[in-house]
Amino acid sequence: MSLPNVSAKTFSFSAVIVGYLLIDDLTANEQNALGNWLMLVAQVLCTNAFYRQVQQERIENNNINDSNISNEDGIEMLEKMVEALQQEINDLKNKIK
């Protein structure tokens, strides 16, 4: 899927419009839940885009093929992400106690 060719201002303004349309019939808790869900979606997109950018940069700088990066570096990066998430979960548990 590709995004239509629109200006940054139009793209941002459309997000504002959609946001205001979504809040009309929602309670504060529903707005919070929806907002958190949308932020999660956004973070997944940003993380994926960043990872692809890192892969492309490594390919261009080191002439490494894509499969080597995906298999070796990808697993290592995922393991580091899991460790970081586990640390965040532990920190949150400690704050709750």
PDB file of N, CA and C in Angstrom:
ATOM      1  N   MET A   1       0.845  -1.172   0.000  1.00  0.00           N
ATOM      2  CA  MET A   1       0.000   0.000   0.000  1.00  0.00           C
ATOM      3  C   MET A   1       0.893   1.238   0.000  1.00  0.00           C
ATOM      4  N   SER A   2       0.599   2.166  -0.844  1.00  0.00           N
ATOM      5  CA  SER A   2       1.361   3.405  -0.854  1.00  0.00           C
ATOM      6  C   SER A   2       0.435   4.560  -0.493  1.00  0.00           C
ATOM      7  N   LEU A   3       1.020   5.540   0.147  1.00  0.00           N
ATOM      8  CA  LEU A   3       0.237   6.703   0.560  1.00  0.00           C
ATOM      9  C   LEU A   3       0.062   7.656  -0.609  1.00  0.00           C
ATOM     10  N   PRO A   4      -1.059   8.348  -0.640  1.00  0.00           N
ATOM     11  CA  PRO A   4      -1.246   9.317  -1.730  1.00  0.00           C
ATOM     12  C   PRO A   4      -0.239  10.452  -1.607  1.00  0.00           C
ATOM     13  N   ASN A   5       0.031  11.099  -2.705  1.00  0.00           N
ATOM     14  CA  ASN A   5       0.993  12.191  -2.729  1.00  0.00           C
ATOM     15  C   ASN A   5       0.307  13.474  -2.237  1.00  0.00           C
ATOM     16  N   VAL A   6       0.410  13.716  -0.922  1.00  0.00           N
ATOM     17  CA  VAL A   6      -0.178  14.915  -0.330  1.00  0.00           C
ATOM     18  C   VAL A   6       0.898  15.656   0.455  1.00  0.00           C
ATOM     19  N   SER A   7       0.641  16.915   0.722  1.00  0.00           N
ATOM     20  CA  SER A   7       1.623  17.693   1.479  1.00  0.00           C
ATOM     21  C   SER A   7       1.603  17.264   2.948  1.00  0.00           C
ATOM     22  N   ALA A   8       2.670  17.590   3.648  1.00  0.00           N
ATOM     23  CA  ALA A   8       2.769  17.258   5.067  1.00  0.00           C
ATOM     24  C   ALA A   8       1.668  17.949   5.862  1.00  0.00           C
ATOM     25  N   LYS A   9       1.343  19.181   5.510  1.00  0.00           N
ATOM     26  CA  LYS A   9       0.286  19.902   6.217  1.00  0.00           C
ATOM     27  C   LYS A   9      -1.068  19.229   6.024  1.00  0.00           C
ATOM     28  N   THR A  10      -1.366  18.810   4.810  1.00  0.00           N
ATOM     29  CA  THR A  10      -2.631  18.138   4.531  1.00  0.00           C
ATOM     30  C   THR A  10      -2.695  16.814   5.276  1.00  0.00           C
ATOM     31  N   PHE A  11      -1.595  16.090   5.279  1.00  0.00           N
ATOM     32  CA  PHE A  11      -1.520  14.804   5.970  1.00  0.00           C
ATOM     33  C   PHE A  11      -1.772  14.998   7.468  1.00  0.00           C
ATOM     34  N   SER A  12      -1.131  15.995   8.075  1.00  0.00           N
ATOM     35  CA  SER A  12      -1.312  16.280   9.505  1.00  0.00           C
ATOM     36  C   SER A  12      -2.725  16.754   9.795  1.00  0.00           C
ATOM     37  N   PHE A  13      -3.252  17.608   8.952  1.00  0.00           N
ATOM     38  CA  PHE A  13      -4.598  18.130   9.151  1.00  0.00           C
ATOM     39  C   PHE A  13      -5.630  17.009   9.079  1.00  0.00           C
ATOM     40  N   SER A  14      -5.425  16.055   8.190  1.00  0.00           N
ATOM     41  CA  SER A  14      -6.362  14.929   8.098  1.00  0.00           C
ATOM     42  C   SER A  14      -6.366  14.118   9.394  1.00  0.00           C
ATOM     43  N   ALA A  15      -5.210  13.991  10.044  1.00  0.00           N
ATOM     44  CA  ALA A  15      -5.141  13.279  11.324  1.00  0.00           C
ATOM     45  C   ALA A  15      -5.924  14.032  12.398  1.00  0.00           C
ATOM     46  N   VAL A  16      -5.824  15.354  12.392  1.00  0.00           N
ATOM     47  CA  VAL A  16      -6.572  16.161  13.355  1.00  0.00           C
ATOM     48  C   VAL A  16      -8.073  15.973  13.150  1.00  0.00           C
ATOM     49  N   ILE A  17      -8.500  15.994  11.921  1.00  0.00           N
ATOM     50  CA  ILE A  17      -9.925  15.826  11.599  1.00  0.00           C
ATOM     51  C   ILE A  17     -10.411  14.455  12.060  1.00  0.00           C
ATOM     52  N   VAL A  18      -9.670  13.406  11.734  1.00  0.00           N
ATOM     53  CA  VAL A  18     -10.061  12.058  12.149  1.00  0.00           C
ATOM     54  C   VAL A  18     -10.115  11.968  13.672  1.00  0.00           C
ATOM     55  N   GLY A  19      -9.137  12.551  14.345  1.00  0.00           N
ATOM     56  CA  GLY A  19      -9.123  12.549  15.814  1.00  0.00           C
ATOM     57  C   GLY A  19     -10.368  13.206  16.394  1.00  0.00           C
ATOM     58  N   TYR A  20     -10.730  14.368  15.879  1.00  0.00           N
ATOM     59  CA  TYR A  20     -11.925  15.046  16.383  1.00  0.00           C
ATOM     60  C   TYR A  20     -13.197  14.270  16.064  1.00  0.00           C
ATOM     61  N   LEU A  21     -13.247  13.610  14.931  1.00  0.00           N
ATOM     62  CA  LEU A  21     -14.423  12.808  14.585  1.00  0.00           C
ATOM     63  C   LEU A  21     -14.573  11.603  15.513  1.00  0.00           C
ATOM     64  N   LEU A  22     -13.454  11.044  15.944  1.00  0.00           N
ATOM     65  CA  LEU A  22     -13.498   9.864  16.800  1.00  0.00           C
ATOM     66  C   LEU A  22     -13.911  10.172  18.238  1.00  0.00           C
ATOM     67  N   ILE A  23     -13.711  11.377  18.726  1.00  0.00           N
ATOM     68  CA  ILE A  23     -13.979  11.662  20.135  1.00  0.00           C
ATOM     69  C   ILE A  23     -15.430  12.011  20.425  1.00  0.00           C
ATOM     70  N   ASP A  24     -16.246  12.225  19.414  1.00  0.00           N
ATOM     71  CA  ASP A  24     -17.625  12.668  19.634  1.00  0.00           C
ATOM     72  C   ASP A  24     -18.427  11.777  20.568  1.00  0.00           C
ATOM     73  N   ASP A  25     -18.475  10.491  20.316  1.00  0.00           N
ATOM     74  CA  ASP A  25     -19.356   9.605  21.070  1.00  0.00           C
ATOM     75  C   ASP A  25     -18.610   8.696  22.044  1.00  0.00           C
ATOM     76  N   LEU A  26     -17.399   9.036  22.405  1.00  0.00           N
ATOM     77  CA  LEU A  26     -16.602   8.183  23.283  1.00  0.00           C
ATOM     78  C   LEU A  26     -16.449   8.801  24.670  1.00  0.00           C
ATOM     79  N   THR A  27     -16.468   7.945  25.692  1.00  0.00           N
ATOM     80  CA  THR A  27     -16.175   8.411  27.046  1.00  0.00           C
ATOM     81  C   THR A  27     -14.677   8.684  27.156  1.00  0.00           C
ATOM     82  N   ALA A  28     -14.266   9.273  28.268  1.00  0.00           N
ATOM     83  CA  ALA A  28     -12.846   9.556  28.476  1.00  0.00           C
ATOM     84  C   ALA A  28     -12.037   8.260  28.493  1.00  0.00           C
ATOM     85  N   ASN A  29     -12.553   7.205  29.128  1.00  0.00           N
ATOM     86  CA  ASN A  29     -11.841   5.918  29.153  1.00  0.00           C
ATOM     87  C   ASN A  29     -11.744   5.301  27.768  1.00  0.00           C
ATOM     88  N   GLU A  30     -12.812   5.410  26.987  1.00  0.00           N
ATOM     89  CA  GLU A  30     -12.786   4.883  25.625  1.00  0.00           C
ATOM     90  C   GLU A  30     -11.805   5.665  24.755  1.00  0.00           C
ATOM     91  N   GLN A  31     -11.773   6.985  24.924  1.00  0.00           N
ATOM     92  CA  GLN A  31     -10.811   7.808  24.181  1.00  0.00           C
ATOM     93  C   GLN A  31      -9.387   7.421  24.551  1.00  0.00           C
ATOM     94  N   ASN A  32      -9.148   7.190  25.843  1.00  0.00           N
ATOM     95  CA  ASN A  32      -7.822   6.801  26.302  1.00  0.00           C
ATOM     96  C   ASN A  32      -7.412   5.451  25.719  1.00  0.00           C
ATOM     97  N   ALA A  33      -8.338   4.497  25.739  1.00  0.00           N
ATOM     98  CA  ALA A  33      -8.038   3.167  25.190  1.00  0.00           C
ATOM     99  C   ALA A  33      -7.755   3.245  23.699  1.00  0.00           C
ATOM    100  N   LEU A  34      -8.578   3.981  22.968  1.00  0.00           N
ATOM    101  CA  LEU A  34      -8.376   4.123  21.528  1.00  0.00           C
ATOM    102  C   LEU A  34      -7.058   4.839  21.229  1.00  0.00           C
ATOM    103  N   GLY A  35      -6.779   5.893  21.979  1.00  0.00           N
ATOM    104  CA  GLY A  35      -5.529   6.625  21.784  1.00  0.00           C
ATOM    105  C   GLY A  35      -4.308   5.766  22.035  1.00  0.00           C
ATOM    106  N   ASN A  36      -4.348   4.961  23.101  1.00  0.00           N
ATOM    107  CA  ASN A  36      -3.227   4.061  23.387  1.00  0.00           C
ATOM    108  C   ASN A  36      -3.063   3.017  22.304  1.00  0.00           C
ATOM    109  N   TRP A  37      -4.187   2.500  21.791  1.00  0.00           N
ATOM    110  CA  TRP A  37      -4.125   1.511  20.722  1.00  0.00           C
ATOM    111  C   TRP A  37      -3.509   2.122  19.468  1.00  0.00           C
ATOM    112  N   LEU A  38      -3.936   3.335  19.122  1.00  0.00           N
ATOM    113  CA  LEU A  38      -3.390   4.004  17.937  1.00  0.00           C
ATOM    114  C   LEU A  38      -1.897   4.299  18.107  1.00  0.00           C
ATOM    115  N   MET A  39      -1.485   4.664  19.329  1.00  0.00           N
ATOM    116  CA  MET A  39      -0.058   4.894  19.563  1.00  0.00           C
ATOM    117  C   MET A  39       0.731   3.602  19.418  1.00  0.00           C
ATOM    118  N   LEU A  40       0.156   2.477  19.837  1.00  0.00           N
ATOM    119  CA  LEU A  40       0.826   1.194  19.668  1.00  0.00           C
ATOM    120  C   LEU A  40       1.001   0.876  18.189  1.00  0.00           C
ATOM    121  N   VAL A  41      -0.049   1.099  17.410  1.00  0.00           N
ATOM    122  CA  VAL A  41       0.039   0.881  15.962  1.00  0.00           C
ATOM    123  C   VAL A  41       1.147   1.767  15.376  1.00  0.00           C
ATOM    124  N   ALA A  42       1.175   3.026  15.787  1.00  0.00           N
ATOM    125  CA  ALA A  42       2.179   3.957  15.281  1.00  0.00           C
ATOM    126  C   ALA A  42       3.589   3.502  15.652  1.00  0.00           C
ATOM    127  N   GLN A  43       3.758   3.002  16.872  1.00  0.00           N
ATOM    128  CA  GLN A  43       5.090   2.559  17.281  1.00  0.00           C
ATOM    129  C   GLN A  43       5.539   1.334  16.506  1.00  0.00           C
ATOM    130  N   VAL A  44       4.608   0.436  16.204  1.00  0.00           N
ATOM    131  CA  VAL A  44       4.954  -0.731  15.389  1.00  0.00           C
ATOM    132  C   VAL A  44       5.423  -0.278  14.010  1.00  0.00           C
ATOM    133  N   LEU A  45       4.695   0.665  13.418  1.00  0.00           N
ATOM    134  CA  LEU A  45       5.080   1.173  12.103  1.00  0.00           C
ATOM    135  C   LEU A  45       6.445   1.858  12.145  1.00  0.00           C
ATOM    136  N   CYS A  46       6.669   2.685  13.159  1.00  0.00           N
ATOM    137  CA  CYS A  46       7.950   3.391  13.278  1.00  0.00           C
ATOM    138  C   CYS A  46       9.106   2.418  13.500  1.00  0.00           C
ATOM    139  N   THR A  47       8.884   1.422  14.356  1.00  0.00           N
ATOM    140  CA  THR A  47       9.924   0.442  14.635  1.00  0.00           C
ATOM    141  C   THR A  47      10.267  -0.355  13.384  1.00  0.00           C
ATOM    142  N   ASN A  48       9.251  -0.776  12.658  1.00  0.00           N
ATOM    143  CA  ASN A  48       9.482  -1.529  11.435  1.00  0.00           C
ATOM    144  C   ASN A  48      10.224  -0.680  10.404  1.00  0.00           C
ATOM    145  N   ALA A  49       9.808   0.565  10.239  1.00  0.00           N
ATOM    146  CA  ALA A  49      10.462   1.448   9.272  1.00  0.00           C
ATOM    147  C   ALA A  49      11.925   1.679   9.656  1.00  0.00           C
ATOM    148  N   PHE A  50      12.177   1.869  10.948  1.00  0.00           N
ATOM    149  CA  PHE A  50      13.548   2.081  11.404  1.00  0.00           C
ATOM    150  C   PHE A  50      14.396   0.846  11.143  1.00  0.00           C
ATOM    151  N   TYR A  51      13.847  -0.333  11.439  1.00  0.00           N
ATOM    152  CA  TYR A  51      14.598  -1.564  11.230  1.00  0.00           C
ATOM    153  C   TYR A  51      14.926  -1.756   9.750  1.00  0.00           C
ATOM    154  N   ARG A  52      13.965  -1.468   8.881  1.00  0.00           N
ATOM    155  CA  ARG A  52      14.221  -1.577   7.444  1.00  0.00           C
ATOM    156  C   ARG A  52      15.289  -0.574   7.003  1.00  0.00           C
ATOM    157  N   GLN A  53      15.255   0.615   7.600  1.00  0.00           N
ATOM    158  CA  GLN A  53      16.242   1.637   7.269  1.00  0.00           C
ATOM    159  C   GLN A  53      17.641   1.173   7.686  1.00  0.00           C
ATOM    160  N   VAL A  54      17.740   0.565   8.867  1.00  0.00           N
ATOM    161  CA  VAL A  54      19.024   0.048   9.338  1.00  0.00           C
ATOM    162  C   VAL A  54      19.513  -1.061   8.411  1.00  0.00           C
ATOM    163  N   GLN A  55      18.622  -1.956   8.011  1.00  0.00           N
ATOM    164  CA  GLN A  55      19.000  -3.017   7.080  1.00  0.00           C
ATOM    165  C   GLN A  55      19.536  -2.436   5.783  1.00  0.00           C
ATOM    166  N   GLN A  56      18.820  -1.480   5.228  1.00  0.00           N
ATOM    167  CA  GLN A  56      19.233  -0.885   3.952  1.00  0.00           C
ATOM    168  C   GLN A  56      20.586  -0.196   4.082  1.00  0.00           C
ATOM    169  N   GLU A  57      20.782   0.507   5.202  1.00  0.00           N
ATOM    170  CA  GLU A  57      22.052   1.195   5.416  1.00  0.00           C
ATOM    171  C   GLU A  57      23.201   0.195   5.506  1.00  0.00           C
ATOM    172  N   ARG A  58      22.981  -0.904   6.207  1.00  0.00           N
ATOM    173  CA  ARG A  58      24.031  -1.924   6.325  1.00  0.00           C
ATOM    174  C   ARG A  58      24.334  -2.549   4.971  1.00  0.00           C
ATOM    175  N   ILE A  59      23.297  -2.782   4.182  1.00  0.00           N
ATOM    176  CA  ILE A  59      23.497  -3.352   2.853  1.00  0.00           C
ATOM    177  C   ILE A  59      24.325  -2.402   1.994  1.00  0.00           C
ATOM    178  N   GLU A  60      23.973  -1.122   2.014  1.00  0.00           N
ATOM    179  CA  GLU A  60      24.682  -0.144   1.196  1.00  0.00           C
ATOM    180  C   GLU A  60      26.113   0.069   1.662  1.00  0.00           C
ATOM    181  N   ASN A  61      26.336   0.094   2.981  1.00  0.00           N
ATOM    182  CA  ASN A  61      27.672   0.385   3.508  1.00  0.00           C
ATOM    183  C   ASN A  61      28.606  -0.816   3.486  1.00  0.00           C
ATOM    184  N   ASN A  62      28.073  -2.005   3.650  1.00  0.00           N
ATOM    185  CA  ASN A  62      28.941  -3.173   3.798  1.00  0.00           C
ATOM    186  C   ASN A  62      28.753  -4.227   2.722  1.00  0.00           C
ATOM    187  N   ASN A  63      27.868  -3.978   1.775  1.00  0.00           N
ATOM    188  CA  ASN A  63      27.578  -4.952   0.727  1.00  0.00           C
ATOM    189  C   ASN A  63      27.228  -6.323   1.306  1.00  0.00           C
ATOM    190  N   ILE A  64      26.451  -6.307   2.388  1.00  0.00           N
ATOM    191  CA  ILE A  64      25.978  -7.547   3.005  1.00  0.00           C
ATOM    192  C   ILE A  64      24.614  -7.851   2.411  1.00  0.00           C
ATOM    193  N   ASN A  65      24.351  -9.119   2.103  1.00  0.00           N
ATOM    194  CA  ASN A  65      23.048  -9.413   1.514  1.00  0.00           C
ATOM    195  C   ASN A  65      21.958  -9.405   2.577  1.00  0.00           C
ATOM    196  N   ASP A  66      20.743  -9.190   2.160  1.00  0.00           N
ATOM    197  CA  ASP A  66      19.592  -8.980   3.042  1.00  0.00           C
ATOM    198  C   ASP A  66      19.301 -10.190   3.915  1.00  0.00           C
ATOM    199  N   SER A  67      19.510 -11.399   3.408  1.00  0.00           N
ATOM    200  CA  SER A  67      19.171 -12.587   4.189  1.00  0.00           C
ATOM    201  C   SER A  67      20.077 -12.731   5.410  1.00  0.00           C
ATOM    202  N   ASN A  68      21.347 -12.384   5.298  1.00  0.00           N
ATOM    203  CA  ASN A  68      22.240 -12.458   6.449  1.00  0.00           C
ATOM    204  C   ASN A  68      21.811 -11.497   7.539  1.00  0.00           C
ATOM    205  N   ILE A  69      21.411 -10.311   7.158  1.00  0.00           N
ATOM    206  CA  ILE A  69      20.975  -9.327   8.143  1.00  0.00           C
ATOM    207  C   ILE A  69      19.694  -9.792   8.814  1.00  0.00           C
ATOM    208  N   SER A  70      18.737 -10.249   8.042  1.00  0.00           N
ATOM    209  CA  SER A  70      17.451 -10.647   8.583  1.00  0.00           C
ATOM    210  C   SER A  70      17.596 -11.796   9.564  1.00  0.00           C
ATOM    211  N   ASN A  71      18.407 -12.784   9.236  1.00  0.00           N
ATOM    212  CA  ASN A  71      18.499 -13.973  10.065  1.00  0.00           C
ATOM    213  C   ASN A  71      19.351 -13.773  11.310  1.00  0.00           C
ATOM    214  N   GLU A  72      20.527 -13.223  11.163  1.00  0.00           N
ATOM    215  CA  GLU A  72      21.445 -13.120  12.288  1.00  0.00           C
ATOM    216  C   GLU A  72      21.174 -11.884  13.134  1.00  0.00           C
ATOM    217  N   ASP A  73      21.206 -10.725  12.525  1.00  0.00           N
ATOM    218  CA  ASP A  73      21.010  -9.489  13.266  1.00  0.00           C
ATOM    219  C   ASP A  73      19.574  -9.346  13.749  1.00  0.00           C
ATOM    220  N   GLY A  74      18.635  -9.857  12.968  1.00  0.00           N
ATOM    221  CA  GLY A  74      17.227  -9.761  13.342  1.00  0.00           C
ATOM    222  C   GLY A  74      16.939 -10.503  14.628  1.00  0.00           C
ATOM    223  N   ILE A  75      17.477 -11.712  14.768  1.00  0.00           N
ATOM    224  CA  ILE A  75      17.265 -12.495  15.980  1.00  0.00           C
ATOM    225  C   ILE A  75      17.913 -11.813  17.176  1.00  0.00           C
ATOM    226  N   GLU A  76      19.116 -11.314  16.984  1.00  0.00           N
ATOM    227  CA  GLU A  76      19.809 -10.618  18.074  1.00  0.00           C
ATOM    228  C   GLU A  76      19.041  -9.370  18.506  1.00  0.00           C
ATOM    229  N   MET A  77      18.532  -8.622  17.534  1.00  0.00           N
ATOM    230  CA  MET A  77      17.776  -7.411  17.855  1.00  0.00           C
ATOM    231  C   MET A  77      16.481  -7.765  18.596  1.00  0.00           C
ATOM    232  N   LEU A  78      15.801  -8.812  18.160  1.00  0.00           N
ATOM    233  CA  LEU A  78      14.573  -9.238  18.827  1.00  0.00           C
ATOM    234  C   LEU A  78      14.849  -9.694  20.259  1.00  0.00           C
ATOM    235  N   GLU A  79      15.949 -10.389  20.465  1.00  0.00           N
ATOM    236  CA  GLU A  79      16.307 -10.816  21.819  1.00  0.00           C
ATOM    237  C   GLU A  79      16.550  -9.612  22.723  1.00  0.00           C
ATOM    238  N   LYS A  80      17.217  -8.590  22.202  1.00  0.00           N
ATOM    239  CA  LYS A  80      17.448  -7.371  22.979  1.00  0.00           C
ATOM    240  C   LYS A  80      16.134  -6.659  23.280  1.00  0.00           C
ATOM    241  N   MET A  81      15.215  -6.660  22.309  1.00  0.00           N
ATOM    242  CA  MET A  81      13.911  -6.028  22.524  1.00  0.00           C
ATOM    243  C   MET A  81      13.124  -6.767  23.609  1.00  0.00           C
ATOM    244  N   VAL A  82      13.163  -8.095  23.569  1.00  0.00           N
ATOM    245  CA  VAL A  82      12.460  -8.887  24.579  1.00  0.00           C
ATOM    246  C   VAL A  82      13.040  -8.610  25.957  1.00  0.00           C
ATOM    247  N   GLU A  83      14.358  -8.549  26.061  1.00  0.00           N
ATOM    248  CA  GLU A  83      15.006  -8.236  27.343  1.00  0.00           C
ATOM    249  C   GLU A  83      14.579  -6.859  27.847  1.00  0.00           C
ATOM    250  N   ALA A  84      14.540  -5.880  26.957  1.00  0.00           N
ATOM    251  CA  ALA A  84      14.141  -4.532  27.354  1.00  0.00           C
ATOM    252  C   ALA A  84      12.686  -4.506  27.799  1.00  0.00           C
ATOM    253  N   LEU A  85      11.821  -5.213  27.080  1.00  0.00           N
ATOM    254  CA  LEU A  85      10.411  -5.275  27.467  1.00  0.00           C
ATOM    255  C   LEU A  85      10.245  -5.968  28.818  1.00  0.00           C
ATOM    256  N   GLN A  86      11.003  -7.041  29.041  1.00  0.00           N
ATOM    257  CA  GLN A  86      10.927  -7.736  30.321  1.00  0.00           C
ATOM    258  C   GLN A  86      11.371  -6.821  31.456  1.00  0.00           C
ATOM    259  N   GLN A  87      12.397  -6.030  31.208  1.00  0.00           N
ATOM    260  CA  GLN A  87      12.866  -5.078  32.222  1.00  0.00           C
ATOM    261  C   GLN A  87      11.787  -4.038  32.514  1.00  0.00           C
ATOM    262  N   GLU A  88      11.123  -3.545  31.480  1.00  0.00           N
ATOM    263  CA  GLU A  88      10.033  -2.579  31.667  1.00  0.00           C
ATOM    264  C   GLU A  88       8.899  -3.193  32.480  1.00  0.00           C
ATOM    265  N   ILE A  89       8.552  -4.441  32.179  1.00  0.00           N
ATOM    266  CA  ILE A  89       7.493  -5.127  32.921  1.00  0.00           C
ATOM    267  C   ILE A  89       7.884  -5.261  34.383  1.00  0.00           C
ATOM    268  N   ASN A  90       9.114  -5.656  34.638  1.00  0.00           N
ATOM    269  CA  ASN A  90       9.583  -5.784  36.024  1.00  0.00           C
ATOM    270  C   ASN A  90       9.567  -4.447  36.747  1.00  0.00           C
ATOM    271  N   ASP A  91       9.985  -3.388  36.068  1.00  0.00           N
ATOM    272  CA  ASP A  91       9.963  -2.053  36.668  1.00  0.00           C
ATOM    273  C   ASP A  91       8.533  -1.626  37.019  1.00  0.00           C
ATOM    274  N   LEU A  92       7.606  -1.891  36.119  1.00  0.00           N
ATOM    275  CA  LEU A  92       6.210  -1.547  36.361  1.00  0.00           C
ATOM    276  C   LEU A  92       5.634  -2.345  37.524  1.00  0.00           C
ATOM    277  N   LYS A  93       5.976  -3.639  37.593  1.00  0.00           N
ATOM    278  CA  LYS A  93       5.520  -4.472  38.715  1.00  0.00           C
ATOM    279  C   LYS A  93       6.046  -3.931  40.034  1.00  0.00           C
ATOM    280  N   ASN A  94       7.308  -3.502  40.044  1.00  0.00           N
ATOM    281  CA  ASN A  94       7.903  -2.966  41.273  1.00  0.00           C
ATOM    282  C   ASN A  94       7.245  -1.652  41.689  1.00  0.00           C
ATOM    283  N   LYS A  95       6.872  -0.819  40.714  1.00  0.00           N
ATOM    284  CA  LYS A  95       6.209   0.444  41.015  1.00  0.00           C
ATOM    285  C   LYS A  95       4.812   0.216  41.595  1.00  0.00           C
ATOM    286  N   ILE A  96       4.143  -0.826  41.102  1.00  0.00           N
ATOM    287  CA  ILE A  96       2.785  -1.129  41.565  1.00  0.00           C
ATOM    288  C   ILE A  96       2.799  -1.618  42.998  1.00  0.00           C
ATOM    289  N   LYS A  97       3.818  -2.387  43.364  1.00  0.00           N
ATOM    290  CA  LYS A  97       3.902  -2.952  44.723  1.00  0.00           C
ATOM    291  C   LYS A  97       4.141  -1.931  45.764  1.00  0.00           C
TER     292      LYS A  97
END
